[in-house]
C-alpha atoms as a PDB file:
ATOM      1  CA  UNK A   1       0.000   0.000   0.000  1.00  0.00           C
ATOM      2  CA  UNK A   2       1.419   3.430  -1.015  1.00  0.00           C
ATOM      3  CA  UNK A   3       2.434   5.677   1.862  1.00  0.00           C
ATOM      4  CA  UNK A   4       0.534   9.018   1.975  1.00  0.00           C
ATOM      5  CA  UNK A   5       2.839  12.081   1.943  1.00  0.00           C
ATOM      6  CA  UNK A   6       1.676  14.909   4.191  1.00  0.00           C
ATOM      7  CA  UNK A   7       0.461  17.981   2.284  1.00  0.00           C
ATOM      8  CA  UNK A   8       2.953  20.249   4.064  1.00  0.00           C
ATOM      9  CA  UNK A   9       5.853  18.019   2.976  1.00  0.00           C
ATOM     10  CA  UNK A  10       4.617  17.950  -0.631  1.00  0.00           C
ATOM     11  CA  UNK A  11       4.295  21.742  -0.718  1.00  0.00           C
ATOM     12  CA  UNK A  12       7.838  22.165   0.542  1.00  0.00           C
ATOM     13  CA  UNK A  13       9.101  19.752  -2.090  1.00  0.00           C
ATOM     14  CA  UNK A  14       7.301  21.617  -4.885  1.00  0.00           C
ATOM     15  CA  UNK A  15       8.653  24.943  -3.662  1.00  0.00           C
ATOM     16  CA  UNK A  16      12.177  23.555  -3.644  1.00  0.00           C
ATOM     17  CA  UNK A  17      11.776  22.243  -7.180  1.00  0.00           C
ATOM     18  CA  UNK A  18      10.383  25.604  -8.368  1.00  0.00           C
ATOM     19  CA  UNK A  19      13.240  27.521  -6.756  1.00  0.00           C
ATOM     20  CA  UNK A  20      15.774  25.196  -8.341  1.00  0.00           C
ATOM     21  CA  UNK A  21      14.059  25.665 -11.710  1.00  0.00           C
ATOM     22  CA  UNK A  22      14.156  29.434 -11.425  1.00  0.00           C
ATOM     23  CA  UNK A  23      17.818  29.364 -10.457  1.00  0.00           C
ATOM     24  CA  UNK A  24      18.612  27.125 -13.412  1.00  0.00           C
ATOM     25  CA  UNK A  25      16.685  29.417 -15.774  1.00  0.00           C
ATOM     26  CA  UNK A  26      18.536  32.424 -14.414  1.00  0.00           C
ATOM     27  CA  UNK A  27      21.863  30.654 -14.926  1.00  0.00           C
ATOM     28  CA  UNK A  28      20.962  29.815 -18.521  1.00  0.00           C
ATOM     29  CA  UNK A  29      19.981  33.452 -19.236  1.00  0.00           C
ATOM     30  CA  UNK A  30      23.227  34.687 -17.704  1.00  0.00           C
ATOM     31  CA  UNK A  31      25.276  32.241 -19.802  1.00  0.00           C
ATOM     32  CA  UNK A  32      23.455  33.292 -22.963  1.00  0.00           C
ATOM     33  CA  UNK A  33      23.995  36.957 -22.144  1.00  0.00           C
ATOM     34  CA  UNK A  34      27.713  36.388 -21.654  1.00  0.00           C
ATOM     35  CA  UNK A  35      27.910  34.621 -24.975  1.00  0.00           C
ATOM     36  CA  UNK A  36      26.116  37.421 -26.883  1.00  0.00           C
ATOM     37  CA  UNK A  37      28.570  40.214 -27.702  1.00  0.00           C
ATOM     38  CA  UNK A  38      26.368  41.829 -30.355  1.00  0.00           C
ATOM     39  CA  UNK A  39      25.099  44.492 -27.931  1.00  0.00           C
ATOM     40  CA  UNK A  40      25.035  45.193 -24.207  1.00  0.00           C
ATOM     41  CA  UNK A  41      21.849  44.630 -22.241  1.00  0.00           C
ATOM     42  CA  UNK A  42      19.849  47.825 -21.873  1.00  0.00           C
ATOM     43  CA  UNK A  43      16.403  49.334 -21.743  1.00  0.00           C
ATOM     44  CA  UNK A  44      14.063  48.732 -24.639  1.00  0.00           C
ATOM     45  CA  UNK A  45      14.658  51.032 -27.593  1.00  0.00           C
ATOM     46  CA  UNK A  46      12.232  53.931 -28.044  1.00  0.00           C
ATOM     47  CA  UNK A  47      10.415  54.261 -31.345  1.00  0.00           C
ATOM     48  CA  UNK A  48      12.250  56.144 -34.082  1.00  0.00           C
ATOM     49  CA  UNK A  49       9.166  58.309 -34.400  1.00  0.00           C
ATOM     50  CA  UNK A  50      10.549  59.968 -31.250  1.00  0.00           C
ATOM     51  CA  UNK A  51      13.998  60.782 -32.689  1.00  0.00           C
ATOM     52  CA  UNK A  52      15.200  62.714 -29.626  1.00  0.00           C
ATOM     53  CA  UNK A  53      14.571  59.753 -27.318  1.00  0.00           C
ATOM     54  CA  UNK A  54      15.928  57.264 -29.854  1.00  0.00           C
ATOM     55  CA  UNK A  55      19.128  59.286 -30.292  1.00  0.00           C
ATOM     56  CA  UNK A  56      19.757  59.456 -26.549  1.00  0.00           C
ATOM     57  CA  UNK A  57      19.116  55.714 -26.270  1.00  0.00           C
ATOM     58  CA  UNK A  58      21.467  55.069 -29.196  1.00  0.00           C
ATOM     59  CA  UNK A  59      24.281  56.965 -27.456  1.00  0.00           C
ATOM     60  CA  UNK A  60      23.520  55.160 -24.198  1.00  0.00           C
ATOM     61  CA  UNK A  61      24.089  51.871 -26.043  1.00  0.00           C
ATOM     62  CA  UNK A  62      27.578  53.064 -26.908  1.00  0.00           C
ATOM     63  CA  UNK A  63      28.299  54.012 -23.310  1.00  0.00           C
ATOM     64  CA  UNK A  64      27.090  50.632 -22.061  1.00  0.00           C
ATOM     65  CA  UNK A  65      29.209  48.851 -24.648  1.00  0.00           C
ATOM     66  CA  UNK A  66      32.225  50.915 -23.566  1.00  0.00           C
ATOM     67  CA  UNK A  67      31.687  50.023 -19.907  1.00  0.00           C
ATOM     68  CA  UNK A  68      31.201  46.336 -20.708  1.00  0.00           C
ATOM     69  CA  UNK A  69      33.817  45.795 -23.413  1.00  0.00           C
ATOM     70  CA  UNK A  70      36.327  48.633 -23.098  1.00  0.00           C
ATOM     71  CA  UNK A  71      37.482  51.267 -25.530  1.00  0.00           C
ATOM     72  CA  UNK A  72      39.236  49.113 -28.117  1.00  0.00           C
ATOM     73  CA  UNK A  73      36.283  46.837 -28.825  1.00  0.00           C
ATOM     74  CA  UNK A  74      33.826  49.732 -28.709  1.00  0.00           C
ATOM     75  CA  UNK A  75      35.806  51.788 -31.212  1.00  0.00           C
ATOM     76  CA  UNK A  76      36.199  48.743 -33.459  1.00  0.00           C
ATOM     77  CA  UNK A  77      32.445  48.150 -33.458  1.00  0.00           C
ATOM     78  CA  UNK A  78      31.462  51.761 -34.168  1.00  0.00           C
ATOM     79  CA  UNK A  79      33.808  51.846 -37.120  1.00  0.00           C
ATOM     80  CA  UNK A  80      31.820  49.073 -38.819  1.00  0.00           C
ATOM     81  CA  UNK A  81      28.819  49.382 -41.117  1.00  0.00           C
ATOM     82  CA  UNK A  82      26.934  47.056 -38.764  1.00  0.00           C
ATOM     83  CA  UNK A  83      26.828  49.826 -36.154  1.00  0.00           C
ATOM     84  CA  UNK A  84      24.947  52.210 -38.473  1.00  0.00           C
ATOM     85  CA  UNK A  85      21.174  52.275 -38.135  1.00  0.00           C
ATOM     86  CA  UNK A  86      19.772  54.314 -41.007  1.00  0.00           C
ATOM     87  CA  UNK A  87      20.610  57.924 -40.247  1.00  0.00           C
ATOM     88  CA  UNK A  88      21.961  57.042 -36.809  1.00  0.00           C
ATOM     89  CA  UNK A  89      25.623  56.312 -36.202  1.00  0.00           C
ATOM     90  CA  UNK A  90      27.867  56.880 -33.192  1.00  0.00           C
ATOM     91  CA  UNK A  91      30.956  59.035 -33.376  1.00  0.00           C
ATOM     92  CA  UNK A  92      33.644  58.912 -30.689  1.00  0.00           C
ATOM     93  CA  UNK A  93      36.284  61.557 -30.020  1.00  0.00           C
ATOM     94  CA  UNK A  94      39.304  60.992 -27.775  1.00  0.00           C
ATOM     95  CA  UNK A  95      40.968  63.242 -25.187  1.00  0.00           C
ATOM     96  CA  UNK A  96      43.041  64.969 -27.883  1.00  0.00           C
ATOM     97  CA  UNK A  97      39.944  65.869 -29.925  1.00  0.00           C
ATOM     98  CA  UNK A  98      40.806  63.223 -32.511  1.00  0.00           C
ATOM     99  CA  UNK A  99      37.952  61.341 -34.139  1.00  0.00           C
ATOM    100  CA  UNK A 100      38.465  57.642 -33.388  1.00  0.00           C
ATOM    101  CA  UNK A 101      35.115  56.230 -34.545  1.00  0.00           C
ATOM    102  CA  UNK A 102      32.888  57.409 -37.383  1.00  0.00           C
ATOM    103  CA  UNK A 103      31.421  54.612 -39.492  1.00  0.00           C
ATOM    104  CA  UNK A 104      29.450  56.977 -41.731  1.00  0.00           C
ATOM    105  CA  UNK A 105      32.615  58.703 -42.952  1.00  0.00           C
ATOM    106  CA  UNK A 106      35.810  56.713 -42.243  1.00  0.00           C
ATOM    107  CA  UNK A 107      37.873  59.577 -43.697  1.00  0.00           C
ATOM    108  CA  UNK A 108      37.330  61.458 -40.427  1.00  0.00           C
ATOM    109  CA  UNK A 109      38.881  58.681 -38.328  1.00  0.00           C
ATOM    110  CA  UNK A 110      42.349  59.530 -37.042  1.00  0.00           C
ATOM    111  CA  UNK A 111      41.924  63.219 -37.820  1.00  0.00           C
ATOM    112  CA  UNK A 112      41.336  66.221 -35.571  1.00  0.00           C
ATOM    113  CA  UNK A 113      37.704  67.248 -35.172  1.00  0.00           C
ATOM    114  CA  UNK A 114      38.456  70.424 -37.115  1.00  0.00           C
ATOM    115  CA  UNK A 115      38.369  68.232 -40.249  1.00  0.00           C
ATOM    116  CA  UNK A 116      34.634  67.642 -39.769  1.00  0.00           C
ATOM    117  CA  UNK A 117      33.110  70.717 -41.370  1.00  0.00           C
ATOM    118  CA  UNK A 118      29.665  71.453 -42.693  1.00  0.00           C
ATOM    119  CA  UNK A 119      28.648  73.531 -45.708  1.00  0.00           C
ATOM    120  CA  UNK A 120      30.608  76.750 -46.241  1.00  0.00           C
ATOM    121  CA  UNK A 121      33.318  75.575 -43.856  1.00  0.00           C
ATOM    122  CA  UNK A 122      31.048  75.655 -40.789  1.00  0.00           C
ATOM    123  CA  UNK A 123      33.250  74.233 -37.962  1.00  0.00           C
ATOM    124  CA  UNK A 124      30.853  71.494 -36.892  1.00  0.00           C
ATOM    125  CA  UNK A 125      33.496  69.208 -35.380  1.00  0.00           C
ATOM    126  CA  UNK A 126      35.027  71.940 -33.257  1.00  0.00           C
ATOM    127  CA  UNK A 127      31.572  72.964 -32.050  1.00  0.00           C
ATOM    128  CA  UNK A 128      30.697  69.374 -31.117  1.00  0.00           C
ATOM    129  CA  UNK A 129      33.887  68.899 -29.104  1.00  0.00           C
ATOM    130  CA  UNK A 130      33.455  72.239 -27.331  1.00  0.00           C
ATOM    131  CA  UNK A 131      29.787  71.624 -26.506  1.00  0.00           C
ATOM    132  CA  UNK A 132      30.280  68.171 -24.946  1.00  0.00           C
ATOM    133  CA  UNK A 133      29.686  67.891 -21.200  1.00  0.00           C
ATOM    134  CA  UNK A 134      29.276  65.092 -18.672  1.00  0.00           C
ATOM    135  CA  UNK A 135      25.582  65.920 -18.348  1.00  0.00           C
ATOM    136  CA  UNK A 136      25.090  65.653 -22.096  1.00  0.00           C
ATOM    137  CA  UNK A 137      23.463  68.184 -24.347  1.00  0.00           C
ATOM    138  CA  UNK A 138      22.015  68.908 -27.774  1.00  0.00           C
ATOM    139  CA  UNK A 139      23.717  70.801 -30.577  1.00  0.00           C
ATOM    140  CA  UNK A 140      22.066  71.684 -33.886  1.00  0.00           C
ATOM    141  CA  UNK A 141      24.131  72.355 -36.997  1.00  0.00           C
ATOM    142  CA  UNK A 142      24.106  71.712 -40.733  1.00  0.00           C
ATOM    143  CA  UNK A 143      25.993  68.585 -41.742  1.00  0.00           C
ATOM    144  CA  UNK A 144      25.940  65.959 -44.511  1.00  0.00           C
ATOM    145  CA  UNK A 145      23.340  63.261 -44.018  1.00  0.00           C
ATOM    146  CA  UNK A 146      25.254  60.254 -45.281  1.00  0.00           C
ATOM    147  CA  UNK A 147      22.014  58.295 -45.600  1.00  0.00           C
ATOM    148  CA  UNK A 148      20.584  60.722 -48.174  1.00  0.00           C
ATOM    149  CA  UNK A 149      23.680  62.478 -49.480  1.00  0.00           C
ATOM    150  CA  UNK A 150      22.344  65.960 -48.737  1.00  0.00           C
ATOM    151  CA  UNK A 151      23.270  68.594 -46.157  1.00  0.00           C
ATOM    152  CA  UNK A 152      20.562  68.816 -43.514  1.00  0.00           C
ATOM    153  CA  UNK A 153      20.069  70.094 -39.995  1.00  0.00           C
ATOM    154  CA  UNK A 154      21.580  67.573 -37.596  1.00  0.00           C
ATOM    155  CA  UNK A 155      20.355  67.360 -34.009  1.00  0.00           C
ATOM    156  CA  UNK A 156      23.207  65.730 -32.080  1.00  0.00           C
ATOM    157  CA  UNK A 157      23.142  64.429 -28.524  1.00  0.00           C
ATOM    158  CA  UNK A 158      26.699  64.675 -27.193  1.00  0.00           C
ATOM    159  CA  UNK A 159      28.089  63.481 -23.868  1.00  0.00           C
ATOM    160  CA  UNK A 160      31.570  63.483 -22.366  1.00  0.00           C
ATOM    161  CA  UNK A 161      32.496  60.317 -20.467  1.00  0.00           C
ATOM    162  CA  UNK A 162      35.891  59.256 -19.113  1.00  0.00           C
ATOM    163  CA  UNK A 163      37.458  62.072 -21.098  1.00  0.00           C
ATOM    164  CA  UNK A 164      35.940  60.735 -24.328  1.00  0.00           C
ATOM    165  CA  UNK A 165      33.078  62.206 -26.335  1.00  0.00           C
ATOM    166  CA  UNK A 166      30.228  59.990 -27.519  1.00  0.00           C
ATOM    167  CA  UNK A 167      27.580  61.361 -29.831  1.00  0.00           C
ATOM    168  CA  UNK A 168      24.942  60.623 -32.398  1.00  0.00           C
ATOM    169  CA  UNK A 169      22.152  62.531 -34.050  1.00  0.00           C
ATOM    170  CA  UNK A 170      19.161  62.649 -36.292  1.00  0.00           C
ATOM    171  CA  UNK A 171      18.573  64.778 -39.343  1.00  0.00           C
ATOM    172  CA  UNK A 172      15.856  67.136 -40.429  1.00  0.00           C
ATOM    173  CA  UNK A 173      15.504  69.021 -43.661  1.00  0.00           C
ATOM    174  CA  UNK A 174      15.738  72.718 -42.946  1.00  0.00           C
ATOM    175  CA  UNK A 175      13.963  75.454 -44.884  1.00  0.00           C
ATOM    176  CA  UNK A 176      14.934  75.910 -48.513  1.00  0.00           C
ATOM    177  CA  UNK A 177      16.312  79.126 -49.943  1.00  0.00           C
ATOM    178  CA  UNK A 178      13.017  79.535 -51.753  1.00  0.00           C
ATOM    179  CA  UNK A 179      11.574  80.347 -48.320  1.00  0.00           C
ATOM    180  CA  UNK A 180      13.981  83.230 -47.776  1.00  0.00           C
ATOM    181  CA  UNK A 181      12.616  84.447 -44.401  1.00  0.00           C
ATOM    182  CA  UNK A 182      12.755  80.972 -42.824  1.00  0.00           C
ATOM    183  CA  UNK A 183      16.161  80.263 -44.336  1.00  0.00           C
ATOM    184  CA  UNK A 184      17.470  83.553 -42.947  1.00  0.00           C
ATOM    185  CA  UNK A 185      16.219  82.790 -39.451  1.00  0.00           C
ATOM    186  CA  UNK A 186      17.822  79.335 -39.559  1.00  0.00           C
ATOM    187  CA  UNK A 187      21.094  80.880 -40.746  1.00  0.00           C
ATOM    188  CA  UNK A 188      21.132  83.266 -37.768  1.00  0.00           C
ATOM    189  CA  UNK A 189      20.176  80.506 -35.360  1.00  0.00           C
ATOM    190  CA  UNK A 190      23.166  78.490 -36.542  1.00  0.00           C
ATOM    191  CA  UNK A 191      25.421  81.455 -35.748  1.00  0.00           C
ATOM    192  CA  UNK A 192      24.014  81.676 -32.226  1.00  0.00           C
ATOM    193  CA  UNK A 193      24.564  77.927 -31.774  1.00  0.00           C
ATOM    194  CA  UNK A 194      28.183  78.322 -32.850  1.00  0.00           C
ATOM    195  CA  UNK A 195      28.679  81.143 -30.370  1.00  0.00           C
ATOM    196  CA  UNK A 196      27.171  79.040 -27.568  1.00  0.00           C
ATOM    197  CA  UNK A 197      29.555  76.192 -28.374  1.00  0.00           C
ATOM    198  CA  UNK A 198      32.814  77.946 -29.285  1.00  0.00           C
ATOM    199  CA  UNK A 199      32.522  81.383 -27.707  1.00  0.00           C
ATOM    200  CA  UNK A 200      32.869  84.843 -29.200  1.00  0.00           C
ATOM    201  CA  UNK A 201      36.434  84.849 -30.498  1.00  0.00           C
ATOM    202  CA  UNK A 202      36.188  81.784 -32.718  1.00  0.00           C
ATOM    203  CA  UNK A 203      32.682  82.682 -33.870  1.00  0.00           C
ATOM    204  CA  UNK A 204      33.807  86.150 -34.919  1.00  0.00           C
ATOM    205  CA  UNK A 205      36.809  84.659 -36.699  1.00  0.00           C
ATOM    206  CA  UNK A 206      34.614  82.316 -38.725  1.00  0.00           C
ATOM    207  CA  UNK A 207      32.071  84.957 -39.734  1.00  0.00           C
ATOM    208  CA  UNK A 208      34.862  87.334 -40.732  1.00  0.00           C
ATOM    209  CA  UNK A 209      35.684  84.968 -43.583  1.00  0.00           C
ATOM    210  CA  UNK A 210      34.150  85.027 -47.047  1.00  0.00           C
ATOM    211  CA  UNK A 211      34.025  81.233 -46.856  1.00  0.00           C
ATOM    212  CA  UNK A 212      30.915  81.361 -44.676  1.00  0.00           C
ATOM    213  CA  UNK A 213      28.915  83.317 -47.281  1.00  0.00           C
ATOM    214  CA  UNK A 214      26.055  81.244 -48.682  1.00  0.00           C
ATOM    215  CA  UNK A 215      24.919  82.922 -51.892  1.00  0.00           C
ATOM    216  CA  UNK A 216      23.301  86.151 -50.632  1.00  0.00           C
ATOM    217  CA  UNK A 217      23.412  85.166 -46.968  1.00  0.00           C
ATOM    218  CA  UNK A 218      26.153  86.183 -44.549  1.00  0.00           C
ATOM    219  CA  UNK A 219      26.186  86.822 -40.803  1.00  0.00           C
ATOM    220  CA  UNK A 220      27.272  90.008 -39.084  1.00  0.00           C
ATOM    221  CA  UNK A 221      27.643  90.492 -35.342  1.00  0.00           C
ATOM    222  CA  UNK A 222      27.261  93.724 -33.378  1.00  0.00           C
ATOM    223  CA  UNK A 223      28.545  94.251 -29.822  1.00  0.00           C
ATOM    224  CA  UNK A 224      26.824  95.834 -26.818  1.00  0.00           C
ATOM    225  CA  UNK A 225      27.956  99.319 -27.856  1.00  0.00           C
ATOM    226  CA  UNK A 226      26.493  99.043 -31.323  1.00  0.00           C
ATOM    227  CA  UNK A 227      29.746  98.465 -33.211  1.00  0.00           C
ATOM    228  CA  UNK A 228      30.010  95.750 -35.829  1.00  0.00           C
ATOM    229  CA  UNK A 229      32.640  93.264 -34.659  1.00  0.00           C
ATOM    230  CA  UNK A 230      32.168  90.607 -37.329  1.00  0.00           C
ATOM    231  CA  UNK A 231      31.507  91.048 -41.043  1.00  0.00           C
ATOM    232  CA  UNK A 232      32.954  89.409 -44.132  1.00  0.00           C
ATOM    233  CA  UNK A 233      33.741  92.935 -45.444  1.00  0.00           C
ATOM    234  CA  UNK A 234      36.488  94.558 -43.302  1.00  0.00           C
ATOM    235  CA  UNK A 235      35.109  98.008 -44.197  1.00  0.00           C
ATOM    236  CA  UNK A 236      32.109  97.390 -41.935  1.00  0.00           C
ATOM    237  CA  UNK A 237      34.044  96.162 -38.889  1.00  0.00           C
ATOM    238  CA  UNK A 238      34.263  98.757 -36.138  1.00  0.00           C
ATOM    239  CA  UNK A 239      32.023 101.093 -38.089  1.00  0.00           C
ATOM    240  CA  UNK A 240      30.422 103.975 -36.197  1.00  0.00           C
ATOM    241  CA  UNK A 241      26.789 103.046 -35.414  1.00  0.00           C
ATOM    242  CA  UNK A 242      25.721 106.545 -36.504  1.00  0.00           C
ATOM    243  CA  UNK A 243      26.676 105.656 -40.083  1.00  0.00           C
ATOM    244  CA  UNK A 244      23.900 103.090 -40.480  1.00  0.00           C
ATOM    245  CA  UNK A 245      22.054 105.192 -43.039  1.00  0.00           C
ATOM    246  CA  UNK A 246      20.965 103.628 -46.315  1.00  0.00           C
ATOM    247  CA  UNK A 247      21.090 105.330 -49.773  1.00  0.00           C
ATOM    248  CA  UNK A 248      17.484 106.491 -49.362  1.00  0.00           C
ATOM    249  CA  UNK A 249      18.416 108.459 -46.225  1.00  0.00           C
ATOM    250  CA  UNK A 250      16.751 106.005 -43.838  1.00  0.00           C
ATOM    251  CA  UNK A 251      18.646 105.672 -40.537  1.00  0.00           C
ATOM    252  CA  UNK A 252      18.108 101.989 -39.766  1.00  0.00           C
ATOM    253  CA  UNK A 253      20.605 101.782 -36.893  1.00  0.00           C
ATOM    254  CA  UNK A 254      18.115 102.380 -34.090  1.00  0.00           C
ATOM    255  CA  UNK A 255      15.654  99.837 -35.467  1.00  0.00           C
ATOM    256  CA  UNK A 256      18.422  97.281 -35.852  1.00  0.00           C
ATOM    257  CA  UNK A 257      19.777  97.773 -32.337  1.00  0.00           C
ATOM    258  CA  UNK A 258      16.271  97.531 -30.895  1.00  0.00           C
ATOM    259  CA  UNK A 259      16.160  93.814 -31.673  1.00  0.00           C
ATOM    260  CA  UNK A 260      15.517  91.583 -28.654  1.00  0.00           C
ATOM    261  CA  UNK A 261      15.969  87.892 -27.822  1.00  0.00           C
ATOM    262  CA  UNK A 262      12.812  87.118 -29.771  1.00  0.00           C
ATOM    263  CA  UNK A 263      14.260  88.760 -32.881  1.00  0.00           C
ATOM    264  CA  UNK A 264      12.913  91.336 -35.325  1.00  0.00           C
ATOM    265  CA  UNK A 265      12.946  92.195 -39.016  1.00  0.00           C
ATOM    266  CA  UNK A 266      14.542  95.417 -40.240  1.00  0.00           C
ATOM    267  CA  UNK A 267      14.335  96.465 -43.901  1.00  0.00           C
ATOM    268  CA  UNK A 268      16.757  98.866 -45.603  1.00  0.00           C
ATOM    269  CA  UNK A 269      18.712  99.363 -48.809  1.00  0.00           C
ATOM    270  CA  UNK A 270      22.315  98.160 -49.049  1.00  0.00           C
ATOM    271  CA  UNK A 271      24.664  96.496 -51.538  1.00  0.00           C
ATOM    272  CA  UNK A 272      24.024  92.850 -52.270  1.00  0.00           C
ATOM    273  CA  UNK A 273      27.454  91.136 -52.385  1.00  0.00           C
ATOM    274  CA  UNK A 274      26.113  88.514 -54.767  1.00  0.00           C
ATOM    275  CA  UNK A 275      24.828  90.985 -57.380  1.00  0.00           C
ATOM    276  CA  UNK A 276      27.006  93.977 -56.522  1.00  0.00           C
ATOM    277  CA  UNK A 277      23.933  96.239 -56.653  1.00  0.00           C
ATOM    278  CA  UNK A 278      21.984  98.174 -54.055  1.00  0.00           C
ATOM    279  CA  UNK A 279      18.868  96.210 -53.175  1.00  0.00           C
ATOM    280  CA  UNK A 280      16.248  96.010 -50.472  1.00  0.00           C
ATOM    281  CA  UNK A 281      17.618  93.890 -47.627  1.00  0.00           C
ATOM    282  CA  UNK A 282      15.348  92.119 -45.157  1.00  0.00           C
ATOM    283  CA  UNK A 283      17.482  91.556 -42.059  1.00  0.00           C
ATOM    284  CA  UNK A 284      16.611  89.219 -39.201  1.00  0.00           C
ATOM    285  CA  UNK A 285      18.381  90.329 -36.009  1.00  0.00           C
ATOM    286  CA  UNK A 286      18.458  88.476 -32.662  1.00  0.00           C
ATOM    287  CA  UNK A 287      19.897  89.709 -29.371  1.00  0.00           C
ATOM    288  CA  UNK A 288      21.837  87.025 -27.471  1.00  0.00           C
ATOM    289  CA  UNK A 289      24.185  87.498 -24.510  1.00  0.00           C
ATOM    290  CA  UNK A 290      24.159  91.200 -25.286  1.00  0.00           C
ATOM    291  CA  UNK A 291      25.384  90.679 -28.853  1.00  0.00           C
ATOM    292  CA  UNK A 292      23.339  91.108 -31.997  1.00  0.00           C
ATOM    293  CA  UNK A 293      23.453  88.268 -34.548  1.00  0.00           C
ATOM    294  CA  UNK A 294      21.958  89.097 -37.922  1.00  0.00           C
ATOM    295  CA  UNK A 295      21.645  88.094 -41.549  1.00  0.00           C
ATOM    296  CA  UNK A 296      19.300  88.915 -44.389  1.00  0.00           C
ATOM    297  CA  UNK A 297      18.023  88.317 -47.881  1.00  0.00           C
ATOM    298  CA  UNK A 298      17.649  90.723 -50.767  1.00  0.00           C
ATOM    299  CA  UNK A 299      15.123  91.691 -53.376  1.00  0.00           C
ATOM    300  CA  UNK A 300      15.453  94.068 -56.311  1.00  0.00           C
ATOM    301  CA  UNK A 301      14.293  97.627 -55.905  1.00  0.00           C
ATOM    302  CA  UNK A 302      11.172  98.618 -57.871  1.00  0.00           C
END
């Protein structure tokens, strides 16, 4: 006759078996995780329809890989095509501001960040390196989208970690030149972004060059006292604010200097460097940190 096992004893036995099963399952998962070097374990990826969140997650993957596998393996991975996800790729910059990983453009690897420039020589790489912080931050600039082949506005999330810089970004098509007002505002905004990243001296130096001119668009910067401190034409630098009178006799200086942080449009007649003729200029001016950043577009006089 079979011996009856007390219910309490049976329950204890089942619990022990369940615990052993859970432990075994956990061990199997751990072994599988150790054997999978394709990516570090992390939170679930956000949808790409939320590109800000996806970009931050994408950079976090790189940081987790670095912590788990070290610099050498991380750099090796992010220099492969397998690390590129559509428009997303990770770039890594070392302590000497040398690009050490950039799968989208291998020509940048091993070169100083100053080699990574956008349209019209815009110092994108220098701005990225200067803007990086341990807390992370966003930087917007125009840069080639290697997925489409065109220059677009890139929104990069950049973070400094262990002296290294990890970053990635997503792209957005900015306004076209056919929409002159919107294009002008974007052009000025890019100048403000450069100032925020690199500071006044390097920003002034860049906008003093003819290289930055984009057809009819160029940036000029005015200081707190109303003097122009940056202009592609040396004749305008340091010019007396009282001389801001156009050929029609309109003194536009006061209207220009009245621009605030929200920006304003000021219209006056001045020479168009592209055509060499006096034309109506529509200038967008924005006050930032006490300085005035401005650019404009032209139309022929009636």
